[in-house]
Amino acid sequence: MKHVLLLFLDGVGLGEDDPESNPFSTAALPVLTELLDGTQLFASVTRLSTARASFVPTDAQLGVPGAPQSATGQATIVVGRNVPQILGKHWGPKPNDDVRAVLTEDNIFMQLTRSGLSARLANAYPPGYIEAIESGRRMYSAIPMAVTSAGITLQTADDFLAGRAFSADFTGKGWREHLGIMDAPVNSLAEAGRQLASCTQDHALFFFEHWPTDYTGHRGTLDEAIGLLERLDGLLGGLLESWDDENGLLIITSDHGNMEDMSTRKHTKNLVPTLLVGPDHAARADKIHTLADITPAILEFLDISPAS
């Protein structure tokens, strides 16, 4: 069965090769470097394809002045339309009424559900998050809003304990250390990557929202950003080891720049990286230019006609 994993890294752009501000300059990323035949991800790098993967510098500003923001960027990814252009502005972090209207009118989760295909958010949400949403103390960000508008329930602690969903740090360690859930299973990064590859095969689309990258860009240190990238590389090692290149399309992308420039706490206007692994990855990468091209690429791979 064809399947797609969209590994969404919030707030990761393509910056300058500057070890004083860009964690990509000094992080040890052996898996990513080997995947791209030695190429490092900087603003100077153009499109490229290797035997297994393709890389596309992707436009997140979408022709609209100002720095891209989370709500409109994420909405653009899952709707397949230029949401900042529709609204005439970037907006975030959480969806306002205008973003919500576009996001819940139609999105990729709705389209897959209508086609009888399984789509799930890979993230497990702890009890405190669910309670805050239900009480109105917290708002959905764009991705869970898109998922729930399609009638798909968010995965919870029960799904995490059963091995069907993942913690934000991939390994489960954070659930023990920060949430006090001491029976949370803890895996190595490689084990988590292999598990992620396995779980993806149960769905047409498995979407993982990794928000710590944006959080670190706003509030963390350069060393913390370097460590986060190195952990992502460890996960990628296990994921690629188990990935089905014949039937699975892996897409890694972001909504706006942030963590690639730790000299500022604000979002950047930089292009964002998009990586593709899977069948005909080079030809599929040729059709991606902006964030609005991600959903069409997924639908084409899954042989689904876009909504009219």
C-alpha atoms as a PDB file:
ATOM      1  CA  MET A   1       0.000   0.000   0.000  1.00  0.00           C
ATOM      2  CA  LYS A   2       1.253   3.478  -0.825  1.00  0.00           C
ATOM      3  CA  HIS A   3       1.924   5.591   2.221  1.00  0.00           C
ATOM      4  CA  VAL A   4       3.283   9.034   3.039  1.00  0.00           C
ATOM      5  CA  LEU A   5       5.078  10.297   6.115  1.00  0.00           C
ATOM      6  CA  LEU A   6       5.157  14.062   6.364  1.00  0.00           C
ATOM      7  CA  LEU A   7       7.743  14.953   8.983  1.00  0.00           C
ATOM      8  CA  PHE A   8       6.975  18.590   9.649  1.00  0.00           C
ATOM      9  CA  LEU A   9       9.733  20.555  11.395  1.00  0.00           C
ATOM     10  CA  ASP A  10       8.283  23.796  12.695  1.00  0.00           C
ATOM     11  CA  GLY A  11      10.502  26.845  12.204  1.00  0.00           C
ATOM     12  CA  VAL A  12      13.487  25.551  10.227  1.00  0.00           C
ATOM     13  CA  GLY A  13      14.867  27.612   7.346  1.00  0.00           C
ATOM     14  CA  LEU A  14      17.986  27.739   5.222  1.00  0.00           C
ATOM     15  CA  GLY A  15      20.506  30.145   6.693  1.00  0.00           C
ATOM     16  CA  GLU A  16      24.066  31.273   6.106  1.00  0.00           C
ATOM     17  CA  ASP A  17      27.015  29.048   6.974  1.00  0.00           C
ATOM     18  CA  ASP A  18      27.768  30.871  10.208  1.00  0.00           C
ATOM     19  CA  PRO A  19      28.826  28.793  13.234  1.00  0.00           C
ATOM     20  CA  GLU A  20      27.997  31.727  15.520  1.00  0.00           C
ATOM     21  CA  SER A  21      24.299  31.679  14.641  1.00  0.00           C
ATOM     22  CA  ASN A  22      23.370  28.665  12.506  1.00  0.00           C
ATOM     23  CA  PRO A  23      23.291  25.248  14.223  1.00  0.00           C
ATOM     24  CA  PHE A  24      23.538  23.557  10.818  1.00  0.00           C
ATOM     25  CA  SER A  25      27.103  24.888  10.584  1.00  0.00           C
ATOM     26  CA  THR A  26      28.429  22.827  13.475  1.00  0.00           C
ATOM     27  CA  ALA A  27      25.921  20.050  14.208  1.00  0.00           C
ATOM     28  CA  ALA A  28      27.144  16.538  13.474  1.00  0.00           C
ATOM     29  CA  LEU A  29      24.593  15.206  10.966  1.00  0.00           C
ATOM     30  CA  PRO A  30      26.118  12.044   9.450  1.00  0.00           C
ATOM     31  CA  VAL A  31      22.827  10.541   8.253  1.00  0.00           C
ATOM     32  CA  LEU A  32      21.597  13.690   6.510  1.00  0.00           C
ATOM     33  CA  THR A  33      25.027  14.407   5.052  1.00  0.00           C
ATOM     34  CA  GLU A  34      25.319  10.902   3.611  1.00  0.00           C
ATOM     35  CA  LEU A  35      21.764  11.073   2.238  1.00  0.00           C
ATOM     36  CA  LEU A  36      22.659  14.251   0.325  1.00  0.00           C
ATOM     37  CA  ASP A  37      26.117  13.067  -0.811  1.00  0.00           C
ATOM     38  CA  GLY A  38      27.957  15.444   1.483  1.00  0.00           C
ATOM     39  CA  THR A  39      25.823  18.532   0.909  1.00  0.00           C
ATOM     40  CA  GLN A  40      24.982  20.645   3.957  1.00  0.00           C
ATOM     41  CA  LEU A  41      21.738  22.601   4.144  1.00  0.00           C
ATOM     42  CA  PHE A  42      22.515  26.289   3.733  1.00  0.00           C
ATOM     43  CA  ALA A  43      20.902  29.170   1.854  1.00  0.00           C
ATOM     44  CA  SER A  44      23.530  28.856  -0.887  1.00  0.00           C
ATOM     45  CA  VAL A  45      22.466  25.321  -1.855  1.00  0.00           C
ATOM     46  CA  THR A  46      20.237  24.928  -4.909  1.00  0.00           C
ATOM     47  CA  ARG A  47      17.990  22.023  -5.814  1.00  0.00           C
ATOM     48  CA  LEU A  48      19.743  18.673  -5.888  1.00  0.00           C
ATOM     49  CA  SER A  49      18.976  14.993  -6.206  1.00  0.00           C
ATOM     50  CA  THR A  50      21.027  12.010  -5.079  1.00  0.00           C
ATOM     51  CA  ALA A  51      20.385   8.323  -5.571  1.00  0.00           C
ATOM     52  CA  ARG A  52      17.907   8.210  -2.704  1.00  0.00           C
ATOM     53  CA  ALA A  53      16.701  11.746  -1.999  1.00  0.00           C
ATOM     54  CA  SER A  54      15.913  15.162  -3.435  1.00  0.00           C
ATOM     55  CA  PHE A  55      16.284  18.540  -1.772  1.00  0.00           C
ATOM     56  CA  VAL A  56      14.234  21.623  -2.681  1.00  0.00           C
ATOM     57  CA  PRO A  57      14.716  25.123  -1.241  1.00  0.00           C
ATOM     58  CA  THR A  58      11.056  26.041  -0.774  1.00  0.00           C
ATOM     59  CA  ASP A  59       9.352  29.444  -0.714  1.00  0.00           C
ATOM     60  CA  ALA A  60       7.527  30.056   2.566  1.00  0.00           C
ATOM     61  CA  GLN A  61       6.974  33.787   2.064  1.00  0.00           C
ATOM     62  CA  LEU A  62       4.583  33.082  -0.825  1.00  0.00           C
ATOM     63  CA  GLY A  63       4.757  36.536  -2.393  1.00  0.00           C
ATOM     64  CA  VAL A  64       3.342  38.276   0.674  1.00  0.00           C
ATOM     65  CA  PRO A  65       5.390  40.971   2.477  1.00  0.00           C
ATOM     66  CA  GLY A  66       6.649  40.274   5.966  1.00  0.00           C
ATOM     67  CA  ALA A  67       7.984  37.245   7.784  1.00  0.00           C
ATOM     68  CA  PRO A  68       5.995  34.015   7.378  1.00  0.00           C
ATOM     69  CA  GLN A  69       3.984  32.859  10.386  1.00  0.00           C
ATOM     70  CA  SER A  70       2.908  29.486  11.689  1.00  0.00           C
ATOM     71  CA  ALA A  71      -0.868  29.545  11.182  1.00  0.00           C
ATOM     72  CA  THR A  72      -0.842  30.626   7.544  1.00  0.00           C
ATOM     73  CA  GLY A  73       2.269  28.599   6.691  1.00  0.00           C
ATOM     74  CA  GLN A  74       0.943  25.378   8.158  1.00  0.00           C
ATOM     75  CA  ALA A  75      -2.471  25.980   6.615  1.00  0.00           C
ATOM     76  CA  THR A  76      -0.827  26.419   3.219  1.00  0.00           C
ATOM     77  CA  ILE A  77       0.945  23.069   3.599  1.00  0.00           C
ATOM     78  CA  VAL A  78      -2.202  21.075   4.426  1.00  0.00           C
ATOM     79  CA  VAL A  79      -4.655  22.979   2.208  1.00  0.00           C
ATOM     80  CA  GLY A  80      -2.472  23.213  -0.892  1.00  0.00           C
ATOM     81  CA  ARG A  81      -3.416  26.854  -1.473  1.00  0.00           C
ATOM     82  CA  ASN A  82      -1.536  30.088  -0.843  1.00  0.00           C
ATOM     83  CA  VAL A  83      -3.269  31.064   2.388  1.00  0.00           C
ATOM     84  CA  PRO A  84      -1.242  34.265   3.046  1.00  0.00           C
ATOM     85  CA  GLN A  85      -2.166  35.456  -0.436  1.00  0.00           C
ATOM     86  CA  ILE A  86      -5.842  34.650   0.170  1.00  0.00           C
ATOM     87  CA  LEU A  87      -5.788  36.610   3.446  1.00  0.00           C
ATOM     88  CA  GLY A  88      -3.410  39.322   2.227  1.00  0.00           C
ATOM     89  CA  LYS A  89      -1.087  38.762   5.189  1.00  0.00           C
ATOM     90  CA  HIS A  90       0.841  36.242   7.249  1.00  0.00           C
ATOM     91  CA  TRP A  91      -0.763  35.258  10.539  1.00  0.00           C
ATOM     92  CA  GLY A  92       0.175  33.280  13.606  1.00  0.00           C
ATOM     93  CA  PRO A  93       0.897  31.540  15.748  1.00  0.00           C
ATOM     94  CA  LYS A  94      -2.662  30.218  16.145  1.00  0.00           C
ATOM     95  CA  PRO A  95      -5.364  30.434  13.445  1.00  0.00           C
ATOM     96  CA  ASN A  96      -7.693  33.419  13.537  1.00  0.00           C
ATOM     97  CA  ASP A  97     -11.214  33.246  12.099  1.00  0.00           C
ATOM     98  CA  ASP A  98      -9.994  33.867   8.531  1.00  0.00           C
ATOM     99  CA  VAL A  99      -7.357  31.128   8.666  1.00  0.00           C
ATOM    100  CA  ARG A 100      -9.843  28.799  10.325  1.00  0.00           C
ATOM    101  CA  ALA A 101     -12.351  29.339   7.523  1.00  0.00           C
ATOM    102  CA  VAL A 102      -9.858  28.342   4.831  1.00  0.00           C
ATOM    103  CA  LEU A 103      -8.384  25.524   6.867  1.00  0.00           C
ATOM    104  CA  THR A 104     -11.684  23.856   7.706  1.00  0.00           C
ATOM    105  CA  GLU A 105     -13.315  24.329   4.311  1.00  0.00           C
ATOM    106  CA  ASP A 106     -11.112  21.626   2.852  1.00  0.00           C
ATOM    107  CA  ASN A 107      -7.706  20.151   3.580  1.00  0.00           C
ATOM    108  CA  ILE A 108      -5.685  17.052   2.808  1.00  0.00           C
ATOM    109  CA  PHE A 109      -7.038  15.133   5.796  1.00  0.00           C
ATOM    110  CA  MET A 110     -10.588  15.745   4.562  1.00  0.00           C
ATOM    111  CA  GLN A 111      -9.694  14.723   1.023  1.00  0.00           C
ATOM    112  CA  LEU A 112      -8.100  11.462   2.125  1.00  0.00           C
ATOM    113  CA  THR A 113     -11.013  10.667   4.439  1.00  0.00           C
ATOM    114  CA  ARG A 114     -13.494  11.238   1.594  1.00  0.00           C
ATOM    115  CA  SER A 115     -11.427   8.854  -0.536  1.00  0.00           C
ATOM    116  CA  GLY A 116     -11.685   6.142   2.098  1.00  0.00           C
ATOM    117  CA  LEU A 117      -8.029   6.378   3.075  1.00  0.00           C
ATOM    118  CA  SER A 118      -6.549   6.528   6.537  1.00  0.00           C
ATOM    119  CA  ALA A 119      -4.855   9.736   7.650  1.00  0.00           C
ATOM    120  CA  ARG A 120      -3.618  10.337  11.180  1.00  0.00           C
ATOM    121  CA  LEU A 121      -1.545  12.767  13.169  1.00  0.00           C
ATOM    122  CA  ALA A 122       1.394  10.808  14.581  1.00  0.00           C
ATOM    123  CA  ASN A 123       1.660  12.962  17.701  1.00  0.00           C
ATOM    124  CA  ALA A 124       0.350  11.733  21.022  1.00  0.00           C
ATOM    125  CA  TYR A 125      -1.260  14.470  23.099  1.00  0.00           C
ATOM    126  CA  PRO A 126      -0.933  14.219  26.892  1.00  0.00           C
ATOM    127  CA  PRO A 127      -3.952  14.498  29.198  1.00  0.00           C
ATOM    128  CA  GLY A 128      -3.178  18.104  30.133  1.00  0.00           C
ATOM    129  CA  TYR A 129      -3.378  19.232  26.513  1.00  0.00           C
ATOM    130  CA  ILE A 130      -6.702  17.476  25.917  1.00  0.00           C
ATOM    131  CA  GLU A 131      -8.149  18.976  29.095  1.00  0.00           C
ATOM    132  CA  ALA A 132      -6.985  22.477  28.143  1.00  0.00           C
ATOM    133  CA  ILE A 133      -8.597  22.199  24.695  1.00  0.00           C
ATOM    134  CA  GLU A 134     -11.875  20.874  26.091  1.00  0.00           C
ATOM    135  CA  SER A 135     -12.022  23.616  28.725  1.00  0.00           C
ATOM    136  CA  GLY A 136     -11.305  26.359  26.193  1.00  0.00           C
ATOM    137  CA  ARG A 137      -8.091  27.407  27.942  1.00  0.00           C
ATOM    138  CA  ARG A 138      -6.097  26.438  24.870  1.00  0.00           C
ATOM    139  CA  MET A 139      -6.647  26.778  21.120  1.00  0.00           C
ATOM    140  CA  TYR A 140      -5.750  24.307  18.429  1.00  0.00           C
ATOM    141  CA  SER A 141      -2.826  25.226  16.238  1.00  0.00           C
ATOM    142  CA  ALA A 142      -3.338  24.803  12.480  1.00  0.00           C
ATOM    143  CA  ILE A 143      -2.360  21.139  12.128  1.00  0.00           C
ATOM    144  CA  PRO A 144      -4.596  19.595  14.821  1.00  0.00           C
ATOM    145  CA  MET A 145      -7.367  21.948  13.693  1.00  0.00           C
ATOM    146  CA  ALA A 146      -7.104  20.509  10.176  1.00  0.00           C
ATOM    147  CA  VAL A 147      -7.078  16.954  11.515  1.00  0.00           C
ATOM    148  CA  THR A 148     -10.072  17.325  13.805  1.00  0.00           C
ATOM    149  CA  SER A 149     -12.073  19.203  11.152  1.00  0.00           C
ATOM    150  CA  ALA A 150     -11.830  16.033   9.078  1.00  0.00           C
ATOM    151  CA  GLY A 151     -13.456  14.052  11.882  1.00  0.00           C
ATOM    152  CA  ILE A 152     -10.160  12.407  12.866  1.00  0.00           C
ATOM    153  CA  THR A 153      -9.522  12.137  16.590  1.00  0.00           C
ATOM    154  CA  LEU A 154      -6.181  13.167  18.022  1.00  0.00           C
ATOM    155  CA  GLN A 155      -4.023  10.402  19.424  1.00  0.00           C
ATOM    156  CA  THR A 156      -3.699  10.325  23.198  1.00  0.00           C
ATOM    157  CA  ALA A 157      -1.575   8.816  25.943  1.00  0.00           C
ATOM    158  CA  ASP A 158      -3.303   5.467  25.380  1.00  0.00           C
ATOM    159  CA  ASP A 159      -2.132   5.446  21.761  1.00  0.00           C
ATOM    160  CA  PHE A 160       1.366   6.390  22.881  1.00  0.00           C
ATOM    161  CA  LEU A 161       1.501   3.579  25.431  1.00  0.00           C
ATOM    162  CA  ALA A 162       0.262   1.159  22.753  1.00  0.00           C
ATOM    163  CA  GLY A 163       3.010   2.199  20.329  1.00  0.00           C
ATOM    164  CA  ARG A 164       0.668   3.832  17.793  1.00  0.00           C
ATOM    165  CA  ALA A 165       1.694   7.434  18.448  1.00  0.00           C
ATOM    166  CA  PHE A 166       4.798   9.405  19.375  1.00  0.00           C
ATOM    167  CA  SER A 167       5.939  11.995  21.873  1.00  0.00           C
ATOM    168  CA  ALA A 168       7.199  15.342  20.600  1.00  0.00           C
ATOM    169  CA  ASP A 169      10.789  14.316  21.389  1.00  0.00           C
ATOM    170  CA  PHE A 170      10.254  10.984  19.550  1.00  0.00           C
ATOM    171  CA  THR A 171      11.778   8.854  22.322  1.00  0.00           C
ATOM    172  CA  GLY A 172       9.234   9.281  25.129  1.00  0.00           C
ATOM    173  CA  LYS A 173      11.863  10.559  27.537  1.00  0.00           C
ATOM    174  CA  GLY A 174      10.188  13.970  27.748  1.00  0.00           C
ATOM    175  CA  TRP A 175       6.922  12.438  28.949  1.00  0.00           C
ATOM    176  CA  ARG A 176       8.756  11.068  31.968  1.00  0.00           C
ATOM    177  CA  GLU A 177      10.989  14.056  32.677  1.00  0.00           C
ATOM    178  CA  HIS A 178       8.571  16.929  31.953  1.00  0.00           C
ATOM    179  CA  LEU A 179       5.094  15.424  32.335  1.00  0.00           C
ATOM    180  CA  GLY A 180       5.759  12.958  35.128  1.00  0.00           C
ATOM    181  CA  ILE A 181       4.227  10.037  33.212  1.00  0.00           C
ATOM    182  CA  MET A 182       6.660   7.454  34.527  1.00  0.00           C
ATOM    183  CA  ASP A 183       5.172   4.456  32.698  1.00  0.00           C
ATOM    184  CA  ALA A 184       5.841   6.116  29.336  1.00  0.00           C
ATOM    185  CA  PRO A 185       7.946   3.815  27.141  1.00  0.00           C
ATOM    186  CA  VAL A 186      11.382   5.183  26.272  1.00  0.00           C
ATOM    187  CA  ASN A 187      13.103   4.236  23.025  1.00  0.00           C
ATOM    188  CA  SER A 188      16.389   5.179  21.463  1.00  0.00           C
ATOM    189  CA  LEU A 189      16.226   7.611  18.546  1.00  0.00           C
ATOM    190  CA  ALA A 190      17.012   4.825  16.081  1.00  0.00           C
ATOM    191  CA  GLU A 191      14.287   2.626  17.583  1.00  0.00           C
ATOM    192  CA  ALA A 192      11.816   5.504  17.378  1.00  0.00           C
ATOM    193  CA  GLY A 193      12.735   6.030  13.726  1.00  0.00           C
ATOM    194  CA  ARG A 194      12.145   2.372  12.914  1.00  0.00           C
ATOM    195  CA  GLN A 195       8.829   2.451  14.783  1.00  0.00           C
ATOM    196  CA  LEU A 196       7.788   5.589  12.891  1.00  0.00           C
ATOM    197  CA  ALA A 197       8.505   3.876   9.562  1.00  0.00           C
ATOM    198  CA  SER A 198       6.453   0.860  10.652  1.00  0.00           C
ATOM    199  CA  CYS A 199       3.460   2.879  11.885  1.00  0.00           C
ATOM    200  CA  THR A 200       3.382   4.926   8.689  1.00  0.00           C
ATOM    201  CA  GLN A 201       2.611   1.796   6.686  1.00  0.00           C
ATOM    202  CA  ASP A 202      -0.786   1.577   8.419  1.00  0.00           C
ATOM    203  CA  HIS A 203      -1.926   4.890   6.910  1.00  0.00           C
ATOM    204  CA  ALA A 204      -2.059   6.667   3.576  1.00  0.00           C
ATOM    205  CA  LEU A 205      -0.783   9.763   5.408  1.00  0.00           C
ATOM    206  CA  PHE A 206       0.999   9.885   8.752  1.00  0.00           C
ATOM    207  CA  PHE A 207       1.760  13.478   9.710  1.00  0.00           C
ATOM    208  CA  PHE A 208       4.252  14.260  12.457  1.00  0.00           C
ATOM    209  CA  GLU A 209       4.292  17.787  13.851  1.00  0.00           C
ATOM    210  CA  HIS A 210       7.676  18.474  15.478  1.00  0.00           C
ATOM    211  CA  TRP A 211       7.291  21.791  17.297  1.00  0.00           C
ATOM    212  CA  PRO A 212      10.472  21.794  19.469  1.00  0.00           C
ATOM    213  CA  THR A 213      12.498  23.237  16.585  1.00  0.00           C
ATOM    214  CA  ASP A 214      10.430  26.424  16.585  1.00  0.00           C
ATOM    215  CA  TYR A 215      10.384  26.583  20.378  1.00  0.00           C
ATOM    216  CA  THR A 216      14.168  26.302  20.465  1.00  0.00           C
ATOM    217  CA  GLY A 217      14.525  29.004  17.830  1.00  0.00           C
ATOM    218  CA  HIS A 218      12.444  31.384  19.922  1.00  0.00           C
ATOM    219  CA  ARG A 219      13.685  30.531  23.403  1.00  0.00           C
ATOM    220  CA  GLY A 220      16.664  28.203  23.274  1.00  0.00           C
ATOM    221  CA  THR A 221      20.420  28.495  22.947  1.00  0.00           C
ATOM    222  CA  LEU A 222      22.661  27.699  20.011  1.00  0.00           C
ATOM    223  CA  ASP A 223      23.927  24.593  21.799  1.00  0.00           C
ATOM    224  CA  GLU A 224      20.358  23.423  22.379  1.00  0.00           C
ATOM    225  CA  ALA A 225      19.592  23.932  18.682  1.00  0.00           C
ATOM    226  CA  ILE A 226      22.679  21.926  17.720  1.00  0.00           C
ATOM    227  CA  GLY A 227      21.654  19.111  20.055  1.00  0.00           C
ATOM    228  CA  LEU A 228      18.131  19.096  18.655  1.00  0.00           C
ATOM    229  CA  LEU A 229      19.406  18.771  15.080  1.00  0.00           C
ATOM    230  CA  GLU A 230      21.692  15.926  16.098  1.00  0.00           C
ATOM    231  CA  ARG A 231      18.780  14.097  17.723  1.00  0.00           C
ATOM    232  CA  LEU A 232      16.724  14.553  14.568  1.00  0.00           C
ATOM    233  CA  ASP A 233      19.598  13.048  12.594  1.00  0.00           C
ATOM    234  CA  GLY A 234      19.604  10.054  14.928  1.00  0.00           C
ATOM    235  CA  LEU A 235      15.885   9.561  14.353  1.00  0.00           C
ATOM    236  CA  LEU A 236      16.413   9.883  10.599  1.00  0.00           C
ATOM    237  CA  GLY A 237      18.966   7.076  10.758  1.00  0.00           C
ATOM    238  CA  GLY A 238      16.466   4.584  12.118  1.00  0.00           C
ATOM    239  CA  LEU A 239      13.695   5.898   9.876  1.00  0.00           C
ATOM    240  CA  LEU A 240      15.703   5.527   6.664  1.00  0.00           C
ATOM    241  CA  GLU A 241      17.005   2.125   7.726  1.00  0.00           C
ATOM    242  CA  SER A 242      13.427   0.812   7.745  1.00  0.00           C
ATOM    243  CA  TRP A 243      11.847   3.002   5.084  1.00  0.00           C
ATOM    244  CA  ASP A 244      10.084   1.331   2.131  1.00  0.00           C
ATOM    245  CA  ASP A 245      11.472   3.291  -0.830  1.00  0.00           C
ATOM    246  CA  GLU A 246       9.224   1.497  -3.322  1.00  0.00           C
ATOM    247  CA  ASN A 247       5.856   2.271  -1.708  1.00  0.00           C
ATOM    248  CA  GLY A 248       6.554   5.073   0.749  1.00  0.00           C
ATOM    249  CA  LEU A 249       7.075   8.777   0.172  1.00  0.00           C
ATOM    250  CA  LEU A 250       8.878  10.593   2.967  1.00  0.00           C
ATOM    251  CA  ILE A 251       8.555  14.388   2.944  1.00  0.00           C
ATOM    252  CA  ILE A 252      10.384  16.615   5.415  1.00  0.00           C
ATOM    253  CA  THR A 253       9.508  20.303   5.311  1.00  0.00           C
ATOM    254  CA  SER A 254       8.858  23.405   7.425  1.00  0.00           C
ATOM    255  CA  ASP A 255       6.534  26.395   7.572  1.00  0.00           C
ATOM    256  CA  HIS A 256       9.003  29.272   8.051  1.00  0.00           C
ATOM    257  CA  GLY A 257      12.554  30.053   9.047  1.00  0.00           C
ATOM    258  CA  ASN A 258      13.599  30.491  12.667  1.00  0.00           C
ATOM    259  CA  MET A 259      16.070  28.041  14.209  1.00  0.00           C
ATOM    260  CA  GLU A 260      18.636  28.465  11.414  1.00  0.00           C
ATOM    261  CA  ASP A 261      19.405  31.951  12.735  1.00  0.00           C
ATOM    262  CA  MET A 262      19.858  31.937  16.488  1.00  0.00           C
ATOM    263  CA  SER A 263      21.011  35.557  16.441  1.00  0.00           C
ATOM    264  CA  THR A 264      17.329  36.548  16.443  1.00  0.00           C
ATOM    265  CA  ARG A 265      14.256  35.293  18.271  1.00  0.00           C
ATOM    266  CA  LYS A 266      12.017  36.198  15.351  1.00  0.00           C
ATOM    267  CA  HIS A 267      10.978  34.289  12.260  1.00  0.00           C
ATOM    268  CA  THR A 268      13.069  34.788   9.153  1.00  0.00           C
ATOM    269  CA  LYS A 269      12.142  35.254   5.506  1.00  0.00           C
ATOM    270  CA  ASN A 270      14.495  32.468   4.448  1.00  0.00           C
ATOM    271  CA  LEU A 271      13.528  29.620   2.167  1.00  0.00           C
ATOM    272  CA  VAL A 272      12.803  26.384   4.003  1.00  0.00           C
ATOM    273  CA  PRO A 273      14.204  22.926   3.218  1.00  0.00           C
ATOM    274  CA  THR A 274      12.032  20.246   1.678  1.00  0.00           C
ATOM    275  CA  LEU A 275      13.453  16.723   1.429  1.00  0.00           C
ATOM    276  CA  LEU A 276      11.859  13.841  -0.444  1.00  0.00           C
ATOM    277  CA  VAL A 277      12.694  10.138  -0.274  1.00  0.00           C
ATOM    278  CA  GLY A 278      10.734   7.578  -2.259  1.00  0.00           C
ATOM    279  CA  PRO A 279       9.606   6.615  -5.756  1.00  0.00           C
ATOM    280  CA  ASP A 280      10.492   9.142  -8.475  1.00  0.00           C
ATOM    281  CA  HIS A 281      11.605  11.622  -5.829  1.00  0.00           C
ATOM    282  CA  ALA A 282      13.495  13.788  -8.327  1.00  0.00           C
ATOM    283  CA  ALA A 283      10.501  14.194 -10.648  1.00  0.00           C
ATOM    284  CA  ARG A 284       8.227  14.951  -7.693  1.00  0.00           C
ATOM    285  CA  ALA A 285      10.706  17.481  -6.328  1.00  0.00           C
ATOM    286  CA  ASP A 286      10.687  19.309  -9.666  1.00  0.00           C
ATOM    287  CA  LYS A 287       7.022  20.205  -9.042  1.00  0.00           C
ATOM    288  CA  ILE A 288       7.630  21.721  -5.612  1.00  0.00           C
ATOM    289  CA  HIS A 289       8.415  25.439  -5.448  1.00  0.00           C
ATOM    290  CA  THR A 290       6.358  26.796  -2.541  1.00  0.00           C
ATOM    291  CA  LEU A 291       4.585  25.401   0.513  1.00  0.00           C
ATOM    292  CA  ALA A 292       1.382  25.308  -1.530  1.00  0.00           C
ATOM    293  CA  ASP A 293       2.880  22.473  -3.617  1.00  0.00           C
ATOM    294  CA  ILE A 294       3.192  19.962  -0.757  1.00  0.00           C
ATOM    295  CA  THR A 295      -0.415  18.748  -0.646  1.00  0.00           C
ATOM    296  CA  PRO A 296      -0.644  18.375  -4.457  1.00  0.00           C
ATOM    297  CA  ALA A 297       2.547  16.266  -4.375  1.00  0.00           C
ATOM    298  CA  ILE A 298       1.034  13.953  -1.752  1.00  0.00           C
ATOM    299  CA  LEU A 299      -2.277  13.626  -3.608  1.00  0.00           C
ATOM    300  CA  GLU A 300      -0.499  12.857  -6.875  1.00  0.00           C
ATOM    301  CA  PHE A 301       1.582  10.153  -5.209  1.00  0.00           C
ATOM    302  CA  LEU A 302      -1.567   8.603  -3.727  1.00  0.00           C
ATOM    303  CA  ASP A 303      -3.379   8.823  -7.103  1.00  0.00           C
ATOM    304  CA  ILE A 304      -6.059  11.172  -5.761  1.00  0.00           C
ATOM    305  CA  SER A 305      -7.476  13.985  -7.858  1.00  0.00           C
ATOM    306  CA  PRO A 306      -7.337  17.375  -6.081  1.00  0.00           C
ATOM    307  CA  ALA A 307     -10.647  18.822  -4.938  1.00  0.00           C
ATOM    308  CA  SER A 308     -12.157  21.124  -7.537  1.00  0.00           C
END
